[in-house]
Amino acid sequence: MAVEPLTLLTHAVGPDAAPPDDATSNRILDAALDLAAASGVQHLTMDAVARRAHVGRMTVYRRFGDKQALVAALGAREGRRCLAELDAAAEPDAPIAEQVAAGFATSLRLAREHPLLSRLARLEPETVLGALTEDGGALFAVARAYLERRLRESQLAGVLGPIEVGEAAELLVRLAVSFVLIPESVLPLEDEDRVRELARQLLAPILEG
């Protein structure tokens, strides 16, 4: 059964999915992540995951049901981990320029270093693009809603002025997507200090008004 790109990527940022969190399930998900990062989601099989995790294939089926559910659980777990890193990058009451700098640098690092996100960006950009445009742009809407919530928290903390946070969130998400779809750049994207400074100079003014 083919796995729709949206299944993985929507769960990667969706707040509703709750992946299993016991040791065996995490070992299975670790194995699925390694295999998907090496060969792609489409080539992932339950048998290969069981071998990699050193468990019986029926254990994988009992825990996750089928490949679609396994991929969804993997996306949910990795998405929650990525969102946790983004949330921890800066507090909502930090100066907004520092929030933008930290968030931008963290987003680029995750896209570059996360094994599955990196593969999608380098080898399967059509998967990312397909996910962004399928189902009425549901994935894009989820990402925008996440950032909009963070911006509203900063407004409540008094560090962000009365801007239209929905519009600002959309601009920033569209910018981030461009770096995933077109990773080649003249910008010093692997120099975190320079990335942060660029964000302070060029991106923060979008929010500061």
C-alpha atoms as a PDB file:
ATOM      1  CA  MET A   1       0.000   0.000   0.000  1.00  0.00           C
ATOM      2  CA  ALA A   2       1.407   3.385  -0.973  1.00  0.00           C
ATOM      3  CA  VAL A   3       1.819   5.934   1.786  1.00  0.00           C
ATOM      4  CA  GLU A   4       0.507   9.387   0.889  1.00  0.00           C
ATOM      5  CA  PRO A   5       3.138  12.108   1.457  1.00  0.00           C
ATOM      6  CA  LEU A   6       0.613  14.093   3.472  1.00  0.00           C
ATOM      7  CA  THR A   7       0.296  11.287   6.009  1.00  0.00           C
ATOM      8  CA  LEU A   8       3.874  11.651   7.189  1.00  0.00           C
ATOM      9  CA  LEU A   9       4.281  15.381   6.876  1.00  0.00           C
ATOM     10  CA  THR A  10       0.947  16.425   8.346  1.00  0.00           C
ATOM     11  CA  HIS A  11       1.592  14.290  11.411  1.00  0.00           C
ATOM     12  CA  ALA A  12       5.020  15.871  11.597  1.00  0.00           C
ATOM     13  CA  VAL A  13       3.446  19.154  12.683  1.00  0.00           C
ATOM     14  CA  GLY A  14      -0.056  18.155  13.735  1.00  0.00           C
ATOM     15  CA  PRO A  15      -0.900  18.520  17.415  1.00  0.00           C
ATOM     16  CA  ASP A  16      -3.456  15.714  17.670  1.00  0.00           C
ATOM     17  CA  ALA A  17      -1.536  12.497  17.053  1.00  0.00           C
ATOM     18  CA  ALA A  18      -0.177  10.747  20.137  1.00  0.00           C
ATOM     19  CA  PRO A  19       2.512   8.222  19.187  1.00  0.00           C
ATOM     20  CA  PRO A  20       3.247   5.236  21.456  1.00  0.00           C
ATOM     21  CA  ASP A  21       5.978   5.988  23.975  1.00  0.00           C
ATOM     22  CA  ASP A  22       7.036   2.642  25.454  1.00  0.00           C
ATOM     23  CA  ALA A  23      10.526   1.240  24.948  1.00  0.00           C
ATOM     24  CA  THR A  24       9.596  -1.384  22.334  1.00  0.00           C
ATOM     25  CA  SER A  25       7.508   1.029  20.274  1.00  0.00           C
ATOM     26  CA  ASN A  26      10.284   3.601  20.336  1.00  0.00           C
ATOM     27  CA  ARG A  27      12.798   0.973  19.220  1.00  0.00           C
ATOM     28  CA  ILE A  28      10.507   0.130  16.301  1.00  0.00           C
ATOM     29  CA  LEU A  29      10.104   3.807  15.427  1.00  0.00           C
ATOM     30  CA  ASP A  30      13.877   4.314  15.648  1.00  0.00           C
ATOM     31  CA  ALA A  31      14.313   1.481  13.170  1.00  0.00           C
ATOM     32  CA  ALA A  32      11.665   2.943  10.861  1.00  0.00           C
ATOM     33  CA  LEU A  33      13.383   6.334  10.993  1.00  0.00           C
ATOM     34  CA  ASP A  34      16.771   4.838  10.090  1.00  0.00           C
ATOM     35  CA  LEU A  35      15.336   2.887   7.165  1.00  0.00           C
ATOM     36  CA  ALA A  36      13.171   5.730   5.857  1.00  0.00           C
ATOM     37  CA  ALA A  37      16.103   8.142   6.044  1.00  0.00           C
ATOM     38  CA  ALA A  38      18.274   5.705   4.097  1.00  0.00           C
ATOM     39  CA  SER A  39      15.847   4.516   1.416  1.00  0.00           C
ATOM     40  CA  GLY A  40      12.708   6.643   1.591  1.00  0.00           C
ATOM     41  CA  VAL A  41       9.259   6.135   3.047  1.00  0.00           C
ATOM     42  CA  GLN A  42       7.920   4.412  -0.061  1.00  0.00           C
ATOM     43  CA  HIS A  43      10.465   1.589   0.308  1.00  0.00           C
ATOM     44  CA  LEU A  44       9.790   1.039   3.991  1.00  0.00           C
ATOM     45  CA  THR A  45       8.424  -2.423   4.856  1.00  0.00           C
ATOM     46  CA  MET A  46       7.150  -3.844   8.103  1.00  0.00           C
ATOM     47  CA  ASP A  47       9.466  -6.850   7.770  1.00  0.00           C
ATOM     48  CA  ALA A  48      12.540  -4.642   7.343  1.00  0.00           C
ATOM     49  CA  VAL A  49      11.552  -2.548  10.342  1.00  0.00           C
ATOM     50  CA  ALA A  50      11.100  -5.674  12.469  1.00  0.00           C
ATOM     51  CA  ARG A  51      14.553  -6.960  11.489  1.00  0.00           C
ATOM     52  CA  ARG A  52      16.172  -3.597  12.191  1.00  0.00           C
ATOM     53  CA  ALA A  53      14.443  -3.304  15.568  1.00  0.00           C
ATOM     54  CA  HIS A  54      15.262  -6.936  16.482  1.00  0.00           C
ATOM     55  CA  VAL A  55      11.635  -7.787  17.162  1.00  0.00           C
ATOM     56  CA  GLY A  56       9.203 -10.175  15.511  1.00  0.00           C
ATOM     57  CA  ARG A  57       7.152  -8.850  12.608  1.00  0.00           C
ATOM     58  CA  MET A  58       3.956  -9.572  14.527  1.00  0.00           C
ATOM     59  CA  THR A  59       5.192  -7.261  17.281  1.00  0.00           C
ATOM     60  CA  VAL A  60       5.364  -4.444  14.743  1.00  0.00           C
ATOM     61  CA  TYR A  61       1.861  -5.238  13.478  1.00  0.00           C
ATOM     62  CA  ARG A  62       0.437  -5.482  17.003  1.00  0.00           C
ATOM     63  CA  ARG A  63       1.927  -2.127  17.967  1.00  0.00           C
ATOM     64  CA  PHE A  64       1.076  -0.194  14.807  1.00  0.00           C
ATOM     65  CA  GLY A  65      -1.422  -2.166  12.742  1.00  0.00           C
ATOM     66  CA  ASP A  66      -0.070  -1.452   9.260  1.00  0.00           C
ATOM     67  CA  LYS A  67       2.532   0.579   7.407  1.00  0.00           C
ATOM     68  CA  GLN A  68       0.286   3.628   7.127  1.00  0.00           C
ATOM     69  CA  ALA A  69      -0.175   3.744  10.890  1.00  0.00           C
ATOM     70  CA  LEU A  70       3.538   3.138  11.492  1.00  0.00           C
ATOM     71  CA  VAL A  71       4.490   6.050   9.230  1.00  0.00           C
ATOM     72  CA  ALA A  72       1.898   8.258  10.899  1.00  0.00           C
ATOM     73  CA  ALA A  73       3.284   7.393  14.348  1.00  0.00           C
ATOM     74  CA  LEU A  74       6.820   8.077  13.145  1.00  0.00           C
ATOM     75  CA  GLY A  75       5.794  11.446  11.762  1.00  0.00           C
ATOM     76  CA  ALA A  76       3.960  12.308  14.969  1.00  0.00           C
ATOM     77  CA  ARG A  77       6.920  11.434  17.174  1.00  0.00           C
ATOM     78  CA  GLU A  78       9.503  13.241  15.071  1.00  0.00           C
ATOM     79  CA  GLY A  79       7.202  16.214  14.599  1.00  0.00           C
ATOM     80  CA  ARG A  80       6.697  16.567  18.325  1.00  0.00           C
ATOM     81  CA  ARG A  81      10.444  16.388  18.853  1.00  0.00           C
ATOM     82  CA  CYS A  82      11.042  19.108  16.251  1.00  0.00           C
ATOM     83  CA  LEU A  83       8.313  21.333  17.678  1.00  0.00           C
ATOM     84  CA  ALA A  84       9.756  20.846  21.158  1.00  0.00           C
ATOM     85  CA  GLU A  85      13.127  22.070  19.883  1.00  0.00           C
ATOM     86  CA  LEU A  86      11.509  25.072  18.229  1.00  0.00           C
ATOM     87  CA  ASP A  87       9.550  25.908  21.365  1.00  0.00           C
ATOM     88  CA  ALA A  88      12.688  25.596  23.487  1.00  0.00           C
ATOM     89  CA  ALA A  89      14.749  27.801  21.162  1.00  0.00           C
ATOM     90  CA  ALA A  90      13.389  30.970  22.759  1.00  0.00           C
ATOM     91  CA  GLU A  91      10.776  31.915  25.331  1.00  0.00           C
ATOM     92  CA  PRO A  92       7.668  33.807  24.157  1.00  0.00           C
ATOM     93  CA  ASP A  93       8.655  36.766  26.361  1.00  0.00           C
ATOM     94  CA  ALA A  94      12.176  37.088  24.903  1.00  0.00           C
ATOM     95  CA  PRO A  95      12.858  40.101  22.658  1.00  0.00           C
ATOM     96  CA  ILE A  96      11.129  39.391  19.370  1.00  0.00           C
ATOM     97  CA  ALA A  97      14.331  39.780  17.335  1.00  0.00           C
ATOM     98  CA  GLU A  98      15.954  37.076  19.447  1.00  0.00           C
ATOM     99  CA  GLN A  99      12.918  34.814  19.023  1.00  0.00           C
ATOM    100  CA  VAL A 100      13.093  35.213  15.254  1.00  0.00           C
ATOM    101  CA  ALA A 101      16.845  34.601  15.205  1.00  0.00           C
ATOM    102  CA  ALA A 102      16.582  31.485  17.361  1.00  0.00           C
ATOM    103  CA  GLY A 103      13.568  30.107  15.503  1.00  0.00           C
ATOM    104  CA  PHE A 104      15.075  30.671  12.066  1.00  0.00           C
ATOM    105  CA  ALA A 105      18.414  29.113  13.011  1.00  0.00           C
ATOM    106  CA  THR A 106      16.713  26.134  14.655  1.00  0.00           C
ATOM    107  CA  SER A 107      14.432  25.565  11.652  1.00  0.00           C
ATOM    108  CA  LEU A 108      17.356  25.532   9.235  1.00  0.00           C
ATOM    109  CA  ARG A 109      19.353  23.211  11.467  1.00  0.00           C
ATOM    110  CA  LEU A 110      16.451  20.764  11.779  1.00  0.00           C
ATOM    111  CA  ALA A 111      15.919  20.740   8.012  1.00  0.00           C
ATOM    112  CA  ARG A 112      19.624  20.128   7.495  1.00  0.00           C
ATOM    113  CA  GLU A 113      20.383  17.652  10.297  1.00  0.00           C
ATOM    114  CA  HIS A 114      17.221  15.645  10.917  1.00  0.00           C
ATOM    115  CA  PRO A 115      17.800  12.385   8.995  1.00  0.00           C
ATOM    116  CA  LEU A 116      14.361  12.171   7.392  1.00  0.00           C
ATOM    117  CA  LEU A 117      13.740  15.877   6.851  1.00  0.00           C
ATOM    118  CA  SER A 118      17.169  16.172   5.276  1.00  0.00           C
ATOM    119  CA  ARG A 119      16.417  13.324   2.870  1.00  0.00           C
ATOM    120  CA  LEU A 120      13.083  14.832   1.876  1.00  0.00           C
ATOM    121  CA  ALA A 121      14.712  18.193   1.239  1.00  0.00           C
ATOM    122  CA  ARG A 122      17.614  16.782  -0.776  1.00  0.00           C
ATOM    123  CA  LEU A 123      16.116  13.832  -2.622  1.00  0.00           C
ATOM    124  CA  GLU A 124      12.331  14.071  -2.457  1.00  0.00           C
ATOM    125  CA  PRO A 125      11.362  17.759  -2.645  1.00  0.00           C
ATOM    126  CA  GLU A 126       8.319  16.709  -4.669  1.00  0.00           C
ATOM    127  CA  THR A 127       7.063  14.925  -1.546  1.00  0.00           C
ATOM    128  CA  VAL A 128       7.252  18.162   0.419  1.00  0.00           C
ATOM    129  CA  LEU A 129       5.626  20.152  -2.369  1.00  0.00           C
ATOM    130  CA  GLY A 130       2.891  17.558  -2.785  1.00  0.00           C
ATOM    131  CA  ALA A 131       2.141  17.612   0.921  1.00  0.00           C
ATOM    132  CA  LEU A 132       1.920  21.391   0.932  1.00  0.00           C
ATOM    133  CA  THR A 133      -0.591  21.499  -1.913  1.00  0.00           C
ATOM    134  CA  GLU A 134      -2.696  18.411  -1.189  1.00  0.00           C
ATOM    135  CA  ASP A 135      -5.899  18.369   0.825  1.00  0.00           C
ATOM    136  CA  GLY A 136      -6.506  22.079   0.355  1.00  0.00           C
ATOM    137  CA  GLY A 137      -3.114  23.020   1.768  1.00  0.00           C
ATOM    138  CA  ALA A 138      -3.805  21.373   5.143  1.00  0.00           C
ATOM    139  CA  LEU A 139      -0.140  20.981   6.049  1.00  0.00           C
ATOM    140  CA  PHE A 140       0.618  24.612   5.276  1.00  0.00           C
ATOM    141  CA  ALA A 141      -2.370  25.669   7.383  1.00  0.00           C
ATOM    142  CA  VAL A 142      -1.184  23.588  10.343  1.00  0.00           C
ATOM    143  CA  ALA A 143       2.315  25.087  10.180  1.00  0.00           C
ATOM    144  CA  ARG A 144       0.880  28.598   9.921  1.00  0.00           C
ATOM    145  CA  ALA A 145      -1.438  27.980  12.888  1.00  0.00           C
ATOM    146  CA  TYR A 146       1.481  26.768  15.002  1.00  0.00           C
ATOM    147  CA  LEU A 147       3.514  29.910  14.318  1.00  0.00           C
ATOM    148  CA  GLU A 148       0.468  32.136  14.753  1.00  0.00           C
ATOM    149  CA  ARG A 149      -0.053  30.667  18.222  1.00  0.00           C
ATOM    150  CA  ARG A 150       3.557  31.439  19.146  1.00  0.00           C
ATOM    151  CA  LEU A 151       3.205  35.014  17.921  1.00  0.00           C
ATOM    152  CA  ARG A 152       0.027  35.513  19.947  1.00  0.00           C
ATOM    153  CA  GLU A 153       1.869  34.281  23.035  1.00  0.00           C
ATOM    154  CA  SER A 154       4.510  36.936  22.381  1.00  0.00           C
ATOM    155  CA  GLN A 155       1.817  39.583  22.065  1.00  0.00           C
ATOM    156  CA  LEU A 156       0.380  38.524  25.405  1.00  0.00           C
ATOM    157  CA  ALA A 157       3.879  38.735  26.881  1.00  0.00           C
ATOM    158  CA  GLY A 158       4.151  42.320  25.646  1.00  0.00           C
ATOM    159  CA  VAL A 159       7.160  41.835  23.355  1.00  0.00           C
ATOM    160  CA  LEU A 160       5.245  41.909  20.068  1.00  0.00           C
ATOM    161  CA  GLY A 161       3.117  44.811  18.930  1.00  0.00           C
ATOM    162  CA  PRO A 162      -0.430  44.795  17.510  1.00  0.00           C
ATOM    163  CA  ILE A 163       0.446  43.289  14.139  1.00  0.00           C
ATOM    164  CA  GLU A 164      -1.769  40.895  12.194  1.00  0.00           C
ATOM    165  CA  VAL A 165      -0.206  37.657  13.407  1.00  0.00           C
ATOM    166  CA  GLY A 166      -1.932  35.458  10.817  1.00  0.00           C
ATOM    167  CA  GLU A 167      -0.399  37.419   7.954  1.00  0.00           C
ATOM    168  CA  ALA A 168       3.025  37.531   9.600  1.00  0.00           C
ATOM    169  CA  ALA A 169       2.919  33.801  10.290  1.00  0.00           C
ATOM    170  CA  GLU A 170       2.094  33.059   6.672  1.00  0.00           C
ATOM    171  CA  LEU A 171       4.994  35.165   5.379  1.00  0.00           C
ATOM    172  CA  LEU A 172       7.442  33.430   7.707  1.00  0.00           C
ATOM    173  CA  VAL A 173       6.172  29.925   6.892  1.00  0.00           C
ATOM    174  CA  ARG A 174       6.387  30.619   3.155  1.00  0.00           C
ATOM    175  CA  LEU A 175       9.951  31.796   3.632  1.00  0.00           C
ATOM    176  CA  ALA A 176      10.878  28.682   5.620  1.00  0.00           C
ATOM    177  CA  VAL A 177       9.320  26.413   2.981  1.00  0.00           C
ATOM    178  CA  SER A 178      11.463  28.027   0.294  1.00  0.00           C
ATOM    179  CA  PHE A 179      14.629  27.004   2.134  1.00  0.00           C
ATOM    180  CA  VAL A 180      13.404  23.402   2.285  1.00  0.00           C
ATOM    181  CA  LEU A 181      12.402  23.235  -1.383  1.00  0.00           C
ATOM    182  CA  ILE A 182      15.449  25.169  -2.634  1.00  0.00           C
ATOM    183  CA  PRO A 183      18.294  24.441  -0.187  1.00  0.00           C
ATOM    184  CA  GLU A 184      20.996  25.901  -2.461  1.00  0.00           C
ATOM    185  CA  SER A 185      21.763  29.455  -1.346  1.00  0.00           C
ATOM    186  CA  VAL A 186      24.447  32.122  -1.334  1.00  0.00           C
ATOM    187  CA  LEU A 187      23.541  32.789   2.288  1.00  0.00           C
ATOM    188  CA  PRO A 188      25.858  31.329   4.965  1.00  0.00           C
ATOM    189  CA  LEU A 189      23.218  28.847   6.134  1.00  0.00           C
ATOM    190  CA  GLU A 190      25.654  26.566   7.956  1.00  0.00           C
ATOM    191  CA  ASP A 191      27.106  29.410  10.025  1.00  0.00           C
ATOM    192  CA  GLU A 192      24.607  29.684  12.874  1.00  0.00           C
ATOM    193  CA  ASP A 193      25.943  32.996  14.160  1.00  0.00           C
ATOM    194  CA  ARG A 194      25.576  34.571  10.711  1.00  0.00           C
ATOM    195  CA  VAL A 195      22.137  33.015  10.266  1.00  0.00           C
ATOM    196  CA  ARG A 196      20.986  34.532  13.536  1.00  0.00           C
ATOM    197  CA  GLU A 197      22.355  37.936  12.580  1.00  0.00           C
ATOM    198  CA  LEU A 198      20.656  37.803   9.191  1.00  0.00           C
ATOM    199  CA  ALA A 199      17.385  36.932  10.906  1.00  0.00           C
ATOM    200  CA  ARG A 200      17.728  39.856  13.287  1.00  0.00           C
ATOM    201  CA  GLN A 201      18.490  42.296  10.471  1.00  0.00           C
ATOM    202  CA  LEU A 202      16.142  41.071   7.729  1.00  0.00           C
ATOM    203  CA  LEU A 203      13.359  38.957   9.269  1.00  0.00           C
ATOM    204  CA  ALA A 204      12.684  40.558  12.631  1.00  0.00           C
ATOM    205  CA  PRO A 205      11.544  43.841  11.009  1.00  0.00           C
ATOM    206  CA  ILE A 206       8.597  41.905   9.533  1.00  0.00           C
ATOM    207  CA  LEU A 207       7.312  41.548  13.080  1.00  0.00           C
ATOM    208  CA  GLU A 208       8.628  44.707  14.653  1.00  0.00           C
ATOM    209  CA  GLY A 209       6.760  47.031  12.312  1.00  0.00           C
END
